[in-house]
Amino acid sequence: MATRSAAGDGSARRGAVTPAGWLLVGLAGFVGSIPLGLMMQYGNPEPLLALALPAMYGLPGPNLLAGWALHQLHGVALAVAYVGVVRWRPLRAHARSLAGAVGLAAAYGVATTLVLSVLVMPVWLALVGYPYAPAVPDLAMPEKAWSVLGHALYALPVTLVYALLVGGE
């Protein structure tokens, strides 16, 4: 799927991800963000989507629509980041197999929780003056275990789409 470009724009080199490949991965990130967002909306004790996410961008809350829009945007961005990560030589072969995709979904779930939920989000919320910003690092349980599960579920469509449709060039 991702080996040739008629445009001559440099994406014709062997193994380059085509625009269609990027679109597929971004769409998978959007789809994968839906169950994670539902888990955040209905499984977290605080209203992350309605209050915390809008606050990160200076928006007043509660604003569930803005929270969902930002959450979905994050899902697309993290899917694009996944492609960048798995194009690193030690991960390429794993990212192209089904078993590897499942393992990488679990690993991406852990990594995104540790980096984003445990570190980045609490710092960001504190910097914007969010009154309910958690401590840094935010290791509250069972919320972080729930976050790992949600981020792994988010990553599964991304890793599978990459393995089956994009990464096998």
N, C-alpha and C. Protein backbone atom coordinates (compact mmCIF):
# COMPACT_ATOMS: atom_id res chain seq x y z
N MET A 1 0.81 -1.18 0.00
CA MET A 1 0.00 0.00 0.00
C MET A 1 0.86 1.25 0.00
N ALA A 2 2.04 1.22 0.59
CA ALA A 2 2.77 2.45 0.82
C ALA A 2 4.14 2.44 0.15
N THR A 3 4.20 2.08 -1.11
CA THR A 3 5.52 1.99 -1.73
C THR A 3 5.78 2.99 -2.83
N ARG A 4 4.78 3.53 -3.45
CA ARG A 4 5.00 4.44 -4.59
C ARG A 4 4.14 5.69 -4.49
N SER A 5 4.67 6.79 -4.96
CA SER A 5 3.93 8.04 -5.04
C SER A 5 4.13 8.63 -6.42
N ALA A 6 3.04 8.92 -7.10
CA ALA A 6 3.14 9.49 -8.43
C ALA A 6 3.56 10.95 -8.38
N ALA A 7 3.45 11.56 -7.22
CA ALA A 7 3.76 12.99 -7.10
C ALA A 7 5.24 13.28 -7.12
N GLY A 8 6.08 12.28 -6.90
CA GLY A 8 7.51 12.52 -6.87
C GLY A 8 7.92 13.40 -5.70
N ASP A 9 7.19 13.29 -4.60
CA ASP A 9 7.43 14.17 -3.45
C ASP A 9 8.33 13.56 -2.39
N GLY A 10 9.04 12.52 -2.71
CA GLY A 10 9.92 11.91 -1.74
C GLY A 10 9.28 10.74 -1.01
N SER A 11 7.95 10.59 -1.09
CA SER A 11 7.30 9.48 -0.42
C SER A 11 7.39 8.20 -1.24
N ALA A 12 8.06 8.26 -2.39
CA ALA A 12 8.18 7.08 -3.23
C ALA A 12 9.27 6.13 -2.72
N ARG A 13 10.08 6.57 -1.77
CA ARG A 13 11.13 5.67 -1.28
C ARG A 13 10.50 4.46 -0.63
N ARG A 14 11.20 3.36 -0.72
CA ARG A 14 10.69 2.09 -0.21
C ARG A 14 10.35 2.21 1.28
N GLY A 15 9.15 1.81 1.62
CA GLY A 15 8.73 1.77 3.01
C GLY A 15 8.11 3.05 3.52
N ALA A 16 7.97 4.08 2.69
CA ALA A 16 7.36 5.32 3.16
C ALA A 16 5.86 5.11 3.37
N VAL A 17 5.32 5.78 4.35
CA VAL A 17 3.88 5.72 4.60
C VAL A 17 3.20 6.70 3.65
N THR A 18 2.24 6.22 2.92
CA THR A 18 1.52 7.06 1.96
C THR A 18 0.53 7.96 2.69
N PRO A 19 0.04 8.98 2.03
CA PRO A 19 -1.02 9.80 2.64
C PRO A 19 -2.23 8.96 3.06
N ALA A 20 -2.59 7.97 2.25
CA ALA A 20 -3.71 7.09 2.61
C ALA A 20 -3.40 6.30 3.88
N GLY A 21 -2.15 5.87 4.03
CA GLY A 21 -1.75 5.17 5.24
C GLY A 21 -1.87 6.04 6.48
N TRP A 22 -1.40 7.29 6.36
CA TRP A 22 -1.52 8.23 7.49
C TRP A 22 -3.00 8.45 7.83
N LEU A 23 -3.82 8.58 6.81
CA LEU A 23 -5.25 8.79 7.03
C LEU A 23 -5.88 7.60 7.75
N LEU A 24 -5.53 6.39 7.33
CA LEU A 24 -6.06 5.19 7.98
C LEU A 24 -5.66 5.12 9.44
N VAL A 25 -4.40 5.41 9.73
CA VAL A 25 -3.94 5.37 11.11
C VAL A 25 -4.62 6.46 11.93
N GLY A 26 -4.76 7.66 11.36
CA GLY A 26 -5.46 8.73 12.06
C GLY A 26 -6.90 8.38 12.35
N LEU A 27 -7.57 7.76 11.38
CA LEU A 27 -8.94 7.32 11.58
C LEU A 27 -9.03 6.25 12.67
N ALA A 28 -8.07 5.34 12.69
CA ALA A 28 -8.03 4.32 13.74
C ALA A 28 -7.84 4.97 15.11
N GLY A 29 -7.04 6.02 15.17
CA GLY A 29 -6.86 6.75 16.42
C GLY A 29 -8.15 7.42 16.88
N PHE A 30 -8.89 7.96 15.93
CA PHE A 30 -10.17 8.58 16.24
C PHE A 30 -11.14 7.53 16.79
N VAL A 31 -11.22 6.38 16.11
CA VAL A 31 -12.12 5.31 16.53
C VAL A 31 -11.70 4.75 17.89
N GLY A 32 -10.40 4.52 18.06
CA GLY A 32 -9.91 3.99 19.33
C GLY A 32 -10.13 4.93 20.50
N SER A 33 -10.21 6.22 20.23
CA SER A 33 -10.44 7.20 21.29
C SER A 33 -11.85 7.15 21.85
N ILE A 34 -12.77 6.58 21.12
CA ILE A 34 -14.17 6.55 21.58
C ILE A 34 -14.34 5.70 22.83
N PRO A 35 -13.90 4.43 22.85
CA PRO A 35 -14.06 3.67 24.10
C PRO A 35 -13.26 4.26 25.27
N LEU A 36 -12.08 4.79 24.99
CA LEU A 36 -11.30 5.42 26.05
C LEU A 36 -12.06 6.63 26.60
N GLY A 37 -12.63 7.44 25.73
CA GLY A 37 -13.41 8.59 26.17
C GLY A 37 -14.63 8.18 26.99
N LEU A 38 -15.29 7.11 26.59
CA LEU A 38 -16.43 6.62 27.36
C LEU A 38 -15.99 6.15 28.74
N MET A 39 -14.84 5.49 28.78
CA MET A 39 -14.30 5.07 30.08
C MET A 39 -13.99 6.29 30.95
N MET A 40 -13.43 7.32 30.34
CA MET A 40 -13.11 8.54 31.08
C MET A 40 -14.39 9.24 31.56
N GLN A 41 -15.39 9.27 30.71
CA GLN A 41 -16.63 9.98 31.05
C GLN A 41 -17.42 9.26 32.14
N TYR A 42 -17.49 7.94 32.05
CA TYR A 42 -18.36 7.20 32.97
C TYR A 42 -17.62 6.42 34.04
N GLY A 43 -16.30 6.25 33.92
CA GLY A 43 -15.57 5.43 34.89
C GLY A 43 -14.66 6.19 35.81
N ASN A 44 -14.37 7.45 35.51
CA ASN A 44 -13.50 8.24 36.38
C ASN A 44 -14.33 8.99 37.41
N PRO A 45 -13.80 9.15 38.61
CA PRO A 45 -14.56 9.86 39.63
C PRO A 45 -14.67 11.36 39.36
N GLU A 46 -13.77 11.93 38.58
CA GLU A 46 -13.86 13.36 38.26
C GLU A 46 -14.19 13.53 36.78
N PRO A 47 -14.84 14.64 36.44
CA PRO A 47 -15.25 14.87 35.04
C PRO A 47 -14.09 15.37 34.17
N LEU A 48 -13.22 14.45 33.80
CA LEU A 48 -12.04 14.83 33.01
C LEU A 48 -12.42 15.45 31.67
N LEU A 49 -13.35 14.82 30.98
CA LEU A 49 -13.70 15.32 29.65
C LEU A 49 -14.39 16.68 29.72
N ALA A 50 -15.25 16.87 30.68
CA ALA A 50 -16.03 18.11 30.74
C ALA A 50 -15.25 19.28 31.36
N LEU A 51 -14.31 18.99 32.27
CA LEU A 51 -13.62 20.06 32.97
C LEU A 51 -12.12 20.13 32.66
N ALA A 52 -11.42 19.03 32.87
CA ALA A 52 -9.95 19.06 32.79
C ALA A 52 -9.46 19.31 31.37
N LEU A 53 -9.97 18.58 30.40
CA LEU A 53 -9.48 18.77 29.02
C LEU A 53 -9.76 20.19 28.50
N PRO A 54 -10.96 20.71 28.64
CA PRO A 54 -11.14 22.10 28.20
C PRO A 54 -10.22 23.08 28.95
N ALA A 55 -10.02 22.86 30.25
CA ALA A 55 -9.14 23.74 31.03
C ALA A 55 -7.72 23.75 30.49
N MET A 56 -7.26 22.61 30.00
CA MET A 56 -5.91 22.52 29.46
C MET A 56 -5.70 23.50 28.30
N TYR A 57 -6.77 23.82 27.60
CA TYR A 57 -6.68 24.71 26.45
C TYR A 57 -7.31 26.07 26.72
N GLY A 58 -7.53 26.38 28.01
CA GLY A 58 -8.04 27.68 28.38
C GLY A 58 -9.52 27.88 28.14
N LEU A 59 -10.25 26.79 27.97
CA LEU A 59 -11.69 26.88 27.72
C LEU A 59 -12.45 26.74 29.03
N PRO A 60 -13.53 27.51 29.18
CA PRO A 60 -14.31 27.38 30.40
C PRO A 60 -15.07 26.06 30.42
N GLY A 61 -15.35 25.58 31.59
CA GLY A 61 -16.08 24.33 31.72
C GLY A 61 -17.18 24.48 32.76
N PRO A 62 -18.01 23.52 32.87
CA PRO A 62 -17.96 22.26 32.13
C PRO A 62 -18.37 22.45 30.66
N ASN A 63 -17.67 21.72 29.80
CA ASN A 63 -17.93 21.76 28.37
C ASN A 63 -17.61 20.38 27.79
N LEU A 64 -18.59 19.51 27.86
CA LEU A 64 -18.40 18.13 27.43
C LEU A 64 -18.10 18.03 25.94
N LEU A 65 -18.74 18.85 25.13
CA LEU A 65 -18.49 18.82 23.69
C LEU A 65 -17.04 19.20 23.38
N ALA A 66 -16.54 20.25 23.98
CA ALA A 66 -15.14 20.64 23.77
C ALA A 66 -14.20 19.56 24.28
N GLY A 67 -14.53 18.97 25.43
CA GLY A 67 -13.70 17.91 25.98
C GLY A 67 -13.61 16.72 25.04
N TRP A 68 -14.74 16.32 24.48
CA TRP A 68 -14.73 15.21 23.52
C TRP A 68 -13.95 15.56 22.26
N ALA A 69 -14.14 16.77 21.75
CA ALA A 69 -13.42 17.19 20.54
C ALA A 69 -11.92 17.16 20.78
N LEU A 70 -11.47 17.68 21.91
CA LEU A 70 -10.04 17.68 22.23
C LEU A 70 -9.52 16.26 22.43
N HIS A 71 -10.32 15.45 23.10
CA HIS A 71 -9.93 14.06 23.33
C HIS A 71 -9.74 13.32 21.99
N GLN A 72 -10.65 13.53 21.07
CA GLN A 72 -10.56 12.87 19.77
C GLN A 72 -9.34 13.39 18.99
N LEU A 73 -9.07 14.66 19.09
CA LEU A 73 -7.88 15.23 18.45
C LEU A 73 -6.62 14.61 19.03
N HIS A 74 -6.57 14.44 20.34
CA HIS A 74 -5.43 13.78 20.98
C HIS A 74 -5.28 12.35 20.45
N GLY A 75 -6.40 11.67 20.25
CA GLY A 75 -6.35 10.29 19.75
C GLY A 75 -5.72 10.20 18.37
N VAL A 76 -6.06 11.14 17.51
CA VAL A 76 -5.47 11.18 16.16
C VAL A 76 -3.97 11.49 16.26
N ALA A 77 -3.62 12.47 17.08
CA ALA A 77 -2.20 12.84 17.24
C ALA A 77 -1.38 11.69 17.79
N LEU A 78 -1.91 10.95 18.76
CA LEU A 78 -1.17 9.82 19.32
C LEU A 78 -1.05 8.67 18.32
N ALA A 79 -2.02 8.54 17.44
CA ALA A 79 -1.92 7.51 16.39
C ALA A 79 -0.79 7.85 15.42
N VAL A 80 -0.69 9.12 15.05
CA VAL A 80 0.41 9.55 14.18
C VAL A 80 1.74 9.34 14.88
N ALA A 81 1.80 9.65 16.18
CA ALA A 81 3.03 9.44 16.95
C ALA A 81 3.40 7.96 16.98
N TYR A 82 2.40 7.08 17.08
CA TYR A 82 2.66 5.64 17.07
C TYR A 82 3.41 5.23 15.81
N VAL A 83 2.98 5.74 14.67
CA VAL A 83 3.66 5.41 13.41
C VAL A 83 5.13 5.81 13.49
N GLY A 84 5.38 6.99 14.01
CA GLY A 84 6.77 7.43 14.16
C GLY A 84 7.58 6.51 15.05
N VAL A 85 6.98 6.06 16.13
CA VAL A 85 7.67 5.17 17.07
C VAL A 85 7.98 3.82 16.43
N VAL A 86 7.00 3.22 15.77
CA VAL A 86 7.20 1.86 15.26
C VAL A 86 7.99 1.82 13.96
N ARG A 87 8.32 2.96 13.40
CA ARG A 87 9.19 2.96 12.23
C ARG A 87 10.65 2.87 12.67
N TRP A 88 10.89 2.95 13.97
CA TRP A 88 12.21 2.75 14.54
C TRP A 88 12.58 1.27 14.34
N ARG A 89 13.74 1.02 13.79
CA ARG A 89 14.15 -0.31 13.35
C ARG A 89 13.86 -1.44 14.35
N PRO A 90 14.17 -1.30 15.64
CA PRO A 90 13.90 -2.43 16.56
C PRO A 90 12.43 -2.80 16.71
N LEU A 91 11.52 -1.91 16.35
CA LEU A 91 10.09 -2.20 16.49
C LEU A 91 9.39 -2.54 15.18
N ARG A 92 10.03 -2.32 14.07
CA ARG A 92 9.36 -2.48 12.76
C ARG A 92 8.73 -3.85 12.56
N ALA A 93 9.49 -4.90 12.79
CA ALA A 93 8.97 -6.25 12.54
C ALA A 93 7.80 -6.56 13.47
N HIS A 94 7.89 -6.16 14.73
CA HIS A 94 6.79 -6.40 15.67
C HIS A 94 5.53 -5.67 15.23
N ALA A 95 5.69 -4.45 14.76
CA ALA A 95 4.53 -3.63 14.38
C ALA A 95 3.81 -4.18 13.16
N ARG A 96 4.46 -5.03 12.40
CA ARG A 96 3.86 -5.56 11.18
C ARG A 96 3.18 -6.91 11.35
N SER A 97 3.22 -7.47 12.56
CA SER A 97 2.55 -8.76 12.79
C SER A 97 1.37 -8.57 13.73
N LEU A 98 0.41 -9.47 13.67
CA LEU A 98 -0.76 -9.36 14.54
C LEU A 98 -0.39 -9.52 16.01
N ALA A 99 0.44 -10.51 16.31
CA ALA A 99 0.86 -10.69 17.71
C ALA A 99 1.64 -9.47 18.19
N GLY A 100 2.49 -8.96 17.34
CA GLY A 100 3.24 -7.76 17.70
C GLY A 100 2.33 -6.57 17.91
N ALA A 101 1.29 -6.45 17.08
CA ALA A 101 0.35 -5.34 17.21
C ALA A 101 -0.37 -5.38 18.55
N VAL A 102 -0.76 -6.57 18.98
CA VAL A 102 -1.45 -6.70 20.27
C VAL A 102 -0.49 -6.35 21.41
N GLY A 103 0.72 -6.84 21.33
CA GLY A 103 1.72 -6.52 22.35
C GLY A 103 2.05 -5.04 22.38
N LEU A 104 2.18 -4.44 21.20
CA LEU A 104 2.47 -3.01 21.14
C LEU A 104 1.29 -2.16 21.62
N ALA A 105 0.07 -2.65 21.43
CA ALA A 105 -1.09 -1.92 21.97
C ALA A 105 -1.01 -1.88 23.49
N ALA A 106 -0.67 -3.00 24.11
CA ALA A 106 -0.51 -3.03 25.57
C ALA A 106 0.63 -2.12 25.99
N ALA A 107 1.75 -2.18 25.29
CA ALA A 107 2.90 -1.34 25.64
C ALA A 107 2.58 0.14 25.44
N TYR A 108 1.88 0.47 24.36
CA TYR A 108 1.52 1.87 24.10
C TYR A 108 0.54 2.36 25.16
N GLY A 109 -0.35 1.48 25.62
CA GLY A 109 -1.26 1.83 26.70
C GLY A 109 -0.53 2.19 27.97
N VAL A 110 0.46 1.39 28.32
CA VAL A 110 1.27 1.66 29.51
C VAL A 110 2.07 2.95 29.32
N ALA A 111 2.72 3.08 28.16
CA ALA A 111 3.59 4.24 27.91
C ALA A 111 2.79 5.54 27.89
N THR A 112 1.65 5.55 27.20
CA THR A 112 0.88 6.78 27.14
C THR A 112 0.30 7.15 28.50
N THR A 113 -0.07 6.15 29.29
CA THR A 113 -0.55 6.45 30.64
C THR A 113 0.57 7.04 31.48
N LEU A 114 1.74 6.39 31.46
CA LEU A 114 2.86 6.88 32.28
C LEU A 114 3.28 8.30 31.88
N VAL A 115 3.41 8.52 30.60
CA VAL A 115 3.90 9.83 30.15
C VAL A 115 2.81 10.89 30.23
N LEU A 116 1.65 10.60 29.67
CA LEU A 116 0.62 11.63 29.55
C LEU A 116 -0.25 11.78 30.79
N SER A 117 -0.77 10.68 31.31
CA SER A 117 -1.70 10.75 32.43
C SER A 117 -0.98 10.95 33.76
N VAL A 118 0.16 10.32 33.93
CA VAL A 118 0.89 10.41 35.20
C VAL A 118 1.73 11.68 35.29
N LEU A 119 2.32 12.11 34.18
CA LEU A 119 3.24 13.25 34.22
C LEU A 119 2.73 14.51 33.52
N VAL A 120 2.47 14.42 32.22
CA VAL A 120 2.18 15.62 31.44
C VAL A 120 0.88 16.30 31.86
N MET A 121 -0.19 15.54 31.96
CA MET A 121 -1.48 16.15 32.26
C MET A 121 -1.49 16.86 33.62
N PRO A 122 -0.97 16.26 34.70
CA PRO A 122 -0.95 17.00 35.96
C PRO A 122 -0.12 18.28 35.91
N VAL A 123 1.01 18.25 35.24
CA VAL A 123 1.84 19.45 35.11
C VAL A 123 1.10 20.50 34.30
N TRP A 124 0.53 20.10 33.17
CA TRP A 124 -0.20 21.02 32.30
C TRP A 124 -1.37 21.67 33.06
N LEU A 125 -2.14 20.85 33.78
CA LEU A 125 -3.28 21.37 34.53
C LEU A 125 -2.83 22.35 35.61
N ALA A 126 -1.72 22.06 36.27
CA ALA A 126 -1.20 22.98 37.28
C ALA A 126 -0.75 24.29 36.64
N LEU A 127 -0.11 24.19 35.48
CA LEU A 127 0.38 25.40 34.80
C LEU A 127 -0.76 26.33 34.36
N VAL A 128 -1.90 25.75 33.99
CA VAL A 128 -3.03 26.59 33.57
C VAL A 128 -3.92 26.99 34.74
N GLY A 129 -3.53 26.59 35.95
CA GLY A 129 -4.28 27.00 37.15
C GLY A 129 -5.56 26.22 37.40
N TYR A 130 -5.65 25.01 36.87
CA TYR A 130 -6.83 24.18 37.10
C TYR A 130 -6.91 23.86 38.60
N PRO A 131 -8.02 24.19 39.25
CA PRO A 131 -8.08 24.07 40.71
C PRO A 131 -8.03 22.63 41.24
N TYR A 132 -8.31 21.67 40.39
CA TYR A 132 -8.32 20.27 40.83
C TYR A 132 -7.15 19.48 40.25
N ALA A 133 -6.07 20.17 39.89
CA ALA A 133 -4.91 19.49 39.31
C ALA A 133 -4.38 18.46 40.30
N PRO A 134 -4.14 17.24 39.82
CA PRO A 134 -3.61 16.21 40.72
C PRO A 134 -2.13 16.45 41.00
N ALA A 135 -1.64 15.73 41.97
CA ALA A 135 -0.22 15.80 42.32
C ALA A 135 0.61 15.24 41.17
N VAL A 136 1.87 15.63 41.13
CA VAL A 136 2.82 15.12 40.14
C VAL A 136 3.84 14.27 40.87
N PRO A 137 4.03 13.04 40.51
CA PRO A 137 3.28 12.27 39.51
C PRO A 137 1.92 11.85 40.06
N ASP A 138 0.96 11.74 39.14
CA ASP A 138 -0.38 11.32 39.52
C ASP A 138 -0.45 9.79 39.44
N LEU A 139 -0.34 9.16 40.59
CA LEU A 139 -0.35 7.70 40.66
C LEU A 139 -1.59 7.19 41.40
N ALA A 140 -2.66 7.97 41.39
CA ALA A 140 -3.89 7.58 42.09
C ALA A 140 -4.42 6.26 41.54
N MET A 141 -4.74 5.36 42.45
CA MET A 141 -5.32 4.08 42.09
C MET A 141 -6.75 4.03 42.60
N PRO A 142 -7.65 3.42 41.92
CA PRO A 142 -7.50 2.56 40.74
C PRO A 142 -7.53 3.32 39.42
N GLU A 143 -7.58 4.65 39.46
CA GLU A 143 -7.71 5.43 38.23
C GLU A 143 -6.60 5.15 37.23
N LYS A 144 -5.36 4.99 37.68
CA LYS A 144 -4.26 4.78 36.73
C LYS A 144 -4.32 3.39 36.11
N ALA A 145 -4.76 2.39 36.86
CA ALA A 145 -4.94 1.05 36.27
C ALA A 145 -6.04 1.12 35.20
N TRP A 146 -7.10 1.85 35.50
CA TRP A 146 -8.20 2.06 34.55
C TRP A 146 -7.68 2.78 33.31
N SER A 147 -6.79 3.75 33.51
CA SER A 147 -6.20 4.51 32.42
C SER A 147 -5.34 3.62 31.52
N VAL A 148 -4.56 2.73 32.11
CA VAL A 148 -3.75 1.80 31.31
C VAL A 148 -4.66 0.94 30.44
N LEU A 149 -5.71 0.40 31.03
CA LEU A 149 -6.65 -0.43 30.26
C LEU A 149 -7.28 0.39 29.13
N GLY A 150 -7.73 1.60 29.44
CA GLY A 150 -8.34 2.45 28.41
C GLY A 150 -7.38 2.83 27.30
N HIS A 151 -6.14 3.16 27.65
CA HIS A 151 -5.16 3.52 26.63
C HIS A 151 -4.76 2.31 25.78
N ALA A 152 -4.72 1.13 26.38
CA ALA A 152 -4.44 -0.08 25.60
C ALA A 152 -5.59 -0.37 24.63
N LEU A 153 -6.83 -0.22 25.10
CA LEU A 153 -7.99 -0.41 24.21
C LEU A 153 -7.97 0.62 23.09
N TYR A 154 -7.61 1.86 23.44
CA TYR A 154 -7.46 2.90 22.43
C TYR A 154 -6.46 2.47 21.36
N ALA A 155 -5.32 1.96 21.80
CA ALA A 155 -4.21 1.66 20.88
C ALA A 155 -4.48 0.46 19.99
N LEU A 156 -5.33 -0.44 20.40
CA LEU A 156 -5.55 -1.67 19.63
C LEU A 156 -5.98 -1.41 18.18
N PRO A 157 -6.96 -0.58 17.89
CA PRO A 157 -7.28 -0.33 16.48
C PRO A 157 -6.11 0.32 15.73
N VAL A 158 -5.37 1.18 16.40
CA VAL A 158 -4.23 1.85 15.77
C VAL A 158 -3.17 0.83 15.38
N THR A 159 -2.81 -0.05 16.31
CA THR A 159 -1.75 -1.02 16.04
C THR A 159 -2.20 -2.05 15.01
N LEU A 160 -3.47 -2.44 15.05
CA LEU A 160 -3.97 -3.43 14.09
C LEU A 160 -4.05 -2.84 12.69
N VAL A 161 -4.53 -1.62 12.57
CA VAL A 161 -4.59 -0.97 11.25
C VAL A 161 -3.18 -0.82 10.70
N TYR A 162 -2.26 -0.44 11.52
CA TYR A 162 -0.88 -0.30 11.03
C TYR A 162 -0.36 -1.66 10.58
N ALA A 163 -0.54 -2.70 11.39
CA ALA A 163 -0.02 -4.02 11.06
C ALA A 163 -0.65 -4.58 9.78
N LEU A 164 -1.95 -4.43 9.65
CA LEU A 164 -2.68 -5.06 8.54
C LEU A 164 -2.70 -4.24 7.26
N LEU A 165 -2.72 -2.91 7.37
CA LEU A 165 -2.95 -2.10 6.19
C LEU A 165 -1.84 -1.12 5.83
N VAL A 166 -1.02 -0.74 6.78
CA VAL A 166 -0.07 0.34 6.53
C VAL A 166 1.38 -0.13 6.59
N GLY A 167 1.73 -0.86 7.62
CA GLY A 167 3.13 -1.17 7.88
C GLY A 167 3.73 -2.30 7.06
N GLY A 168 2.93 -3.02 6.32
CA GLY A 168 3.42 -4.18 5.60
C GLY A 168 3.97 -3.90 4.23
N GLU A 169 4.34 -2.66 3.94
CA GLU A 169 4.84 -2.34 2.60
C GLU A 169 6.16 -2.99 2.28
